[in-house]
């Protein structure tokens, strides 16, 4: 297996997740941007912009339609996987360190 070098974060990576098919890789870091990569060659396909603090967690739903991120800015955000558009914002009273979809 060939290693993938991800060059797109300004700070250290906090979590990565593959989608179910294994063709996409989602990464978040101690910067405010989540990224999606093509896992075969490491090409960055897009970003999810909206957080204002470190992003601690990421998850992708079963059919790769939605992405969920949680951040030190006290929010959890739901994104459209393909367009990068923010679909929902859940504000919390503290940093969101873990998030996930329930299948």
N, C-alpha and C. Protein backbone atom coordinates (compact mmCIF):
# COMPACT_ATOMS: atom_id res chain seq x y z
N UNK A 1 0.84 -1.18 0.00
CA UNK A 1 0.00 0.00 0.00
C UNK A 1 0.88 1.24 0.00
N UNK A 2 0.60 2.14 -0.88
CA UNK A 2 1.37 3.37 -1.01
C UNK A 2 0.88 4.42 -0.01
N UNK A 3 1.78 5.05 0.74
CA UNK A 3 1.35 6.10 1.68
C UNK A 3 0.84 7.33 0.93
N UNK A 4 -0.08 8.04 1.58
CA UNK A 4 -0.64 9.27 1.01
C UNK A 4 -0.12 10.45 1.81
N UNK A 5 0.43 11.44 1.14
CA UNK A 5 0.89 12.65 1.79
C UNK A 5 -0.17 13.74 1.58
N UNK A 6 -0.76 14.20 2.68
CA UNK A 6 -1.80 15.23 2.62
C UNK A 6 -1.18 16.58 2.93
N UNK A 7 -1.14 17.46 1.96
CA UNK A 7 -0.61 18.80 2.16
C UNK A 7 -1.73 19.80 1.93
N UNK A 8 -2.42 20.15 3.02
CA UNK A 8 -3.53 21.06 2.88
C UNK A 8 -3.98 21.66 4.19
N UNK A 9 -3.37 21.23 5.27
CA UNK A 9 -3.70 21.77 6.58
C UNK A 9 -2.56 22.64 7.08
N UNK A 10 -2.91 23.68 7.81
CA UNK A 10 -1.91 24.58 8.39
C UNK A 10 -1.37 24.06 9.71
N UNK A 11 -2.15 23.20 10.38
CA UNK A 11 -1.75 22.67 11.68
C UNK A 11 -1.93 21.15 11.68
N UNK A 12 -1.59 20.51 12.78
CA UNK A 12 -1.60 19.05 12.83
C UNK A 12 -3.01 18.47 12.69
N UNK A 13 -3.08 17.32 12.04
CA UNK A 13 -4.34 16.62 11.79
C UNK A 13 -4.88 16.04 13.09
N UNK A 14 -6.18 16.18 13.31
CA UNK A 14 -6.83 15.65 14.51
C UNK A 14 -7.60 14.36 14.24
N UNK A 15 -8.11 14.19 13.01
CA UNK A 15 -8.82 12.95 12.68
C UNK A 15 -8.94 12.80 11.17
N UNK A 16 -8.95 11.56 10.71
CA UNK A 16 -9.24 11.26 9.31
C UNK A 16 -10.29 10.15 9.27
N UNK A 17 -11.10 10.15 8.22
CA UNK A 17 -12.12 9.12 8.03
C UNK A 17 -12.23 8.81 6.55
N UNK A 18 -12.32 7.52 6.23
CA UNK A 18 -12.64 7.09 4.87
C UNK A 18 -14.16 6.94 4.75
N UNK A 19 -14.66 7.15 3.54
CA UNK A 19 -16.06 6.82 3.30
C UNK A 19 -16.18 5.30 3.14
N UNK A 20 -17.40 4.80 3.06
CA UNK A 20 -17.63 3.35 3.02
C UNK A 20 -16.95 2.69 1.82
N UNK A 21 -16.95 3.35 0.68
CA UNK A 21 -16.34 2.79 -0.52
C UNK A 21 -14.82 2.85 -0.48
N UNK A 22 -14.27 3.72 0.34
CA UNK A 22 -12.82 3.83 0.47
C UNK A 22 -12.17 4.72 -0.56
N UNK A 23 -12.96 5.39 -1.41
CA UNK A 23 -12.36 6.23 -2.44
C UNK A 23 -12.15 7.67 -1.98
N UNK A 24 -12.80 8.08 -0.89
CA UNK A 24 -12.65 9.43 -0.37
C UNK A 24 -12.11 9.39 1.06
N UNK A 25 -11.28 10.36 1.37
CA UNK A 25 -10.69 10.49 2.69
C UNK A 25 -11.00 11.90 3.19
N UNK A 26 -11.55 11.99 4.39
CA UNK A 26 -11.90 13.27 5.00
C UNK A 26 -10.93 13.54 6.13
N UNK A 27 -10.39 14.76 6.18
CA UNK A 27 -9.42 15.10 7.22
C UNK A 27 -9.79 16.42 7.89
N UNK A 28 -9.53 16.47 9.19
CA UNK A 28 -9.70 17.70 9.96
C UNK A 28 -8.46 17.90 10.82
N UNK A 29 -8.24 19.15 11.21
CA UNK A 29 -7.01 19.48 11.91
C UNK A 29 -7.24 20.60 12.91
N UNK A 30 -6.17 21.02 13.52
CA UNK A 30 -6.23 22.13 14.47
C UNK A 30 -6.29 23.47 13.76
N UNK A 31 -6.79 23.45 12.53
CA UNK A 31 -7.13 24.66 11.79
C UNK A 31 -8.63 24.60 11.49
N UNK A 32 -9.24 25.65 10.99
CA UNK A 32 -10.70 25.68 10.88
C UNK A 32 -11.30 25.08 9.60
N UNK A 33 -10.52 24.35 8.83
CA UNK A 33 -11.00 23.85 7.54
C UNK A 33 -10.96 22.32 7.49
N UNK A 34 -12.07 21.72 7.05
CA UNK A 34 -12.11 20.28 6.79
C UNK A 34 -11.84 20.07 5.30
N UNK A 35 -11.18 18.98 4.97
CA UNK A 35 -10.82 18.69 3.59
C UNK A 35 -11.34 17.33 3.17
N UNK A 36 -11.56 17.16 1.87
CA UNK A 36 -11.87 15.86 1.29
C UNK A 36 -10.84 15.58 0.20
N UNK A 37 -10.34 14.35 0.18
CA UNK A 37 -9.26 13.94 -0.71
C UNK A 37 -9.66 12.69 -1.48
N UNK A 38 -9.10 12.55 -2.68
CA UNK A 38 -9.24 11.32 -3.43
C UNK A 38 -8.19 10.37 -2.88
N UNK A 39 -8.60 9.23 -2.35
CA UNK A 39 -7.67 8.37 -1.63
C UNK A 39 -6.65 7.66 -2.52
N UNK A 40 -6.92 7.54 -3.80
CA UNK A 40 -6.00 6.83 -4.69
C UNK A 40 -4.69 7.60 -4.88
N UNK A 41 -4.79 8.93 -5.05
CA UNK A 41 -3.58 9.70 -5.33
C UNK A 41 -3.35 10.87 -4.37
N UNK A 42 -4.24 11.09 -3.40
CA UNK A 42 -4.06 12.17 -2.44
C UNK A 42 -4.44 13.55 -2.95
N UNK A 43 -5.13 13.62 -4.09
CA UNK A 43 -5.57 14.91 -4.63
C UNK A 43 -6.68 15.49 -3.76
N UNK A 44 -6.54 16.76 -3.38
CA UNK A 44 -7.59 17.41 -2.61
C UNK A 44 -8.73 17.79 -3.55
N UNK A 45 -9.93 17.30 -3.23
CA UNK A 45 -11.10 17.54 -4.06
C UNK A 45 -11.90 18.75 -3.62
N UNK A 46 -11.80 19.10 -2.33
CA UNK A 46 -12.56 20.24 -1.85
C UNK A 46 -12.36 20.50 -0.38
N UNK A 47 -12.98 21.58 0.08
CA UNK A 47 -12.90 21.98 1.49
C UNK A 47 -14.29 22.31 2.01
N UNK A 48 -14.42 22.26 3.33
CA UNK A 48 -15.65 22.63 4.02
C UNK A 48 -15.29 23.79 4.94
N UNK A 49 -15.68 25.00 4.55
CA UNK A 49 -15.29 26.22 5.26
C UNK A 49 -16.45 26.78 6.07
N UNK A 50 -16.17 27.14 7.33
CA UNK A 50 -17.22 27.73 8.16
C UNK A 50 -16.86 27.76 9.63
N UNK A 51 -16.05 26.81 10.07
CA UNK A 51 -15.63 26.80 11.47
C UNK A 51 -14.66 27.96 11.73
N UNK A 52 -14.57 28.37 12.99
CA UNK A 52 -13.64 29.44 13.36
C UNK A 52 -12.60 28.97 14.37
N UNK A 53 -12.61 27.70 14.70
CA UNK A 53 -11.64 27.14 15.62
C UNK A 53 -11.15 25.80 15.11
N UNK A 54 -10.28 25.16 15.87
CA UNK A 54 -9.77 23.84 15.51
C UNK A 54 -10.93 22.88 15.29
N UNK A 55 -10.80 22.02 14.30
CA UNK A 55 -11.83 21.01 14.04
C UNK A 55 -11.33 19.68 14.60
N UNK A 56 -12.07 19.14 15.55
CA UNK A 56 -11.62 17.95 16.28
C UNK A 56 -12.11 16.64 15.69
N UNK A 57 -13.27 16.65 15.05
CA UNK A 57 -13.83 15.36 14.61
C UNK A 57 -14.56 15.51 13.28
N UNK A 58 -14.66 14.37 12.59
CA UNK A 58 -15.33 14.32 11.30
C UNK A 58 -15.96 12.95 11.13
N UNK A 59 -17.09 12.90 10.45
CA UNK A 59 -17.71 11.63 10.07
C UNK A 59 -18.44 11.84 8.75
N UNK A 60 -18.61 10.77 8.01
CA UNK A 60 -19.31 10.80 6.73
C UNK A 60 -20.42 9.76 6.79
N UNK A 61 -21.58 10.07 6.22
CA UNK A 61 -22.70 9.13 6.31
C UNK A 61 -22.53 7.95 5.36
N UNK A 62 -23.43 6.99 5.49
CA UNK A 62 -23.32 5.70 4.81
C UNK A 62 -23.21 5.84 3.29
N UNK A 63 -23.97 6.75 2.70
CA UNK A 63 -23.97 6.88 1.24
C UNK A 63 -23.18 8.08 0.74
N UNK A 64 -22.32 8.63 1.58
CA UNK A 64 -21.40 9.72 1.23
C UNK A 64 -22.15 10.93 0.68
N UNK A 65 -23.28 11.27 1.29
CA UNK A 65 -24.01 12.48 0.90
C UNK A 65 -23.74 13.63 1.86
N UNK A 66 -23.51 13.31 3.13
CA UNK A 66 -23.32 14.34 4.15
C UNK A 66 -22.05 14.09 4.96
N UNK A 67 -21.46 15.19 5.40
CA UNK A 67 -20.27 15.17 6.26
C UNK A 67 -20.62 15.94 7.52
N UNK A 68 -20.16 15.44 8.66
CA UNK A 68 -20.40 16.06 9.95
C UNK A 68 -19.06 16.43 10.57
N UNK A 69 -18.94 17.67 11.08
CA UNK A 69 -17.70 18.10 11.73
C UNK A 69 -18.02 18.73 13.08
N UNK A 70 -17.10 18.57 14.02
CA UNK A 70 -17.23 19.18 15.33
C UNK A 70 -15.98 19.97 15.65
N UNK A 71 -16.14 21.12 16.32
CA UNK A 71 -15.04 22.06 16.44
C UNK A 71 -14.91 22.68 17.82
N UNK A 72 -13.75 23.28 18.05
CA UNK A 72 -13.47 24.04 19.26
C UNK A 72 -14.24 25.36 19.28
N UNK A 73 -14.90 25.72 18.18
CA UNK A 73 -15.72 26.93 18.16
C UNK A 73 -17.11 26.69 18.74
N UNK A 74 -17.26 25.56 19.44
CA UNK A 74 -18.52 25.18 20.10
C UNK A 74 -19.65 24.93 19.11
N UNK A 75 -19.32 24.30 18.00
CA UNK A 75 -20.36 23.99 17.02
C UNK A 75 -20.11 22.65 16.34
N UNK A 76 -21.21 22.09 15.87
CA UNK A 76 -21.20 20.90 15.04
C UNK A 76 -21.90 21.31 13.75
N UNK A 77 -21.29 20.99 12.61
CA UNK A 77 -21.86 21.43 11.33
C UNK A 77 -22.08 20.25 10.41
N UNK A 78 -23.18 20.30 9.68
CA UNK A 78 -23.53 19.29 8.69
C UNK A 78 -23.32 19.90 7.31
N UNK A 79 -22.62 19.17 6.44
CA UNK A 79 -22.25 19.66 5.12
C UNK A 79 -22.77 18.73 4.03
N UNK A 80 -23.06 19.30 2.87
CA UNK A 80 -23.31 18.51 1.68
C UNK A 80 -21.94 18.05 1.18
N UNK A 81 -21.77 16.76 1.05
CA UNK A 81 -20.46 16.21 0.70
C UNK A 81 -19.97 16.71 -0.66
N UNK A 82 -20.84 16.74 -1.63
CA UNK A 82 -20.44 17.08 -3.00
C UNK A 82 -20.21 18.57 -3.21
N UNK A 83 -21.10 19.41 -2.69
CA UNK A 83 -21.01 20.85 -2.96
C UNK A 83 -20.22 21.62 -1.92
N UNK A 84 -20.08 21.06 -0.72
CA UNK A 84 -19.40 21.76 0.37
C UNK A 84 -20.29 22.77 1.07
N UNK A 85 -21.56 22.83 0.71
CA UNK A 85 -22.50 23.78 1.32
C UNK A 85 -22.85 23.32 2.73
N UNK A 86 -22.88 24.28 3.66
CA UNK A 86 -23.29 23.98 5.03
C UNK A 86 -24.80 23.81 5.06
N UNK A 87 -25.27 22.68 5.59
CA UNK A 87 -26.70 22.38 5.64
C UNK A 87 -27.31 22.68 6.99
N UNK A 88 -26.52 22.54 8.06
CA UNK A 88 -27.05 22.77 9.40
C UNK A 88 -25.92 23.17 10.34
N UNK A 89 -26.31 23.91 11.38
CA UNK A 89 -25.37 24.35 12.42
C UNK A 89 -26.00 24.06 13.77
N UNK A 90 -25.28 23.32 14.61
CA UNK A 90 -25.72 23.05 15.97
C UNK A 90 -24.71 23.70 16.91
N UNK A 91 -25.14 24.72 17.63
CA UNK A 91 -24.25 25.40 18.56
C UNK A 91 -24.34 24.73 19.92
N UNK A 92 -23.19 24.57 20.58
CA UNK A 92 -23.12 23.89 21.87
C UNK A 92 -22.47 24.81 22.90
N UNK A 93 -22.45 24.37 24.14
CA UNK A 93 -21.87 25.19 25.22
C UNK A 93 -20.39 24.93 25.42
N UNK A 94 -19.83 23.96 24.70
CA UNK A 94 -18.40 23.67 24.81
C UNK A 94 -17.90 23.08 23.50
N UNK A 95 -16.60 22.89 23.41
CA UNK A 95 -16.00 22.34 22.20
C UNK A 95 -16.57 20.95 21.90
N UNK A 96 -16.73 20.65 20.62
CA UNK A 96 -17.23 19.34 20.19
C UNK A 96 -16.02 18.49 19.83
N UNK A 97 -15.75 17.47 20.64
CA UNK A 97 -14.58 16.62 20.45
C UNK A 97 -14.87 15.32 19.71
N UNK A 98 -16.14 14.94 19.65
CA UNK A 98 -16.50 13.71 18.94
C UNK A 98 -17.87 13.89 18.29
N UNK A 99 -18.02 13.33 17.11
CA UNK A 99 -19.29 13.41 16.39
C UNK A 99 -19.42 12.18 15.51
N UNK A 100 -20.63 11.85 15.13
CA UNK A 100 -20.80 10.69 14.27
C UNK A 100 -22.24 10.49 13.84
N UNK A 101 -22.39 9.73 12.77
CA UNK A 101 -23.70 9.34 12.28
C UNK A 101 -24.07 8.01 12.90
N UNK A 102 -25.35 7.81 13.16
CA UNK A 102 -25.85 6.55 13.69
C UNK A 102 -26.52 5.81 12.54
N UNK A 103 -25.97 4.66 12.21
CA UNK A 103 -26.50 3.89 11.08
C UNK A 103 -27.54 2.94 11.60
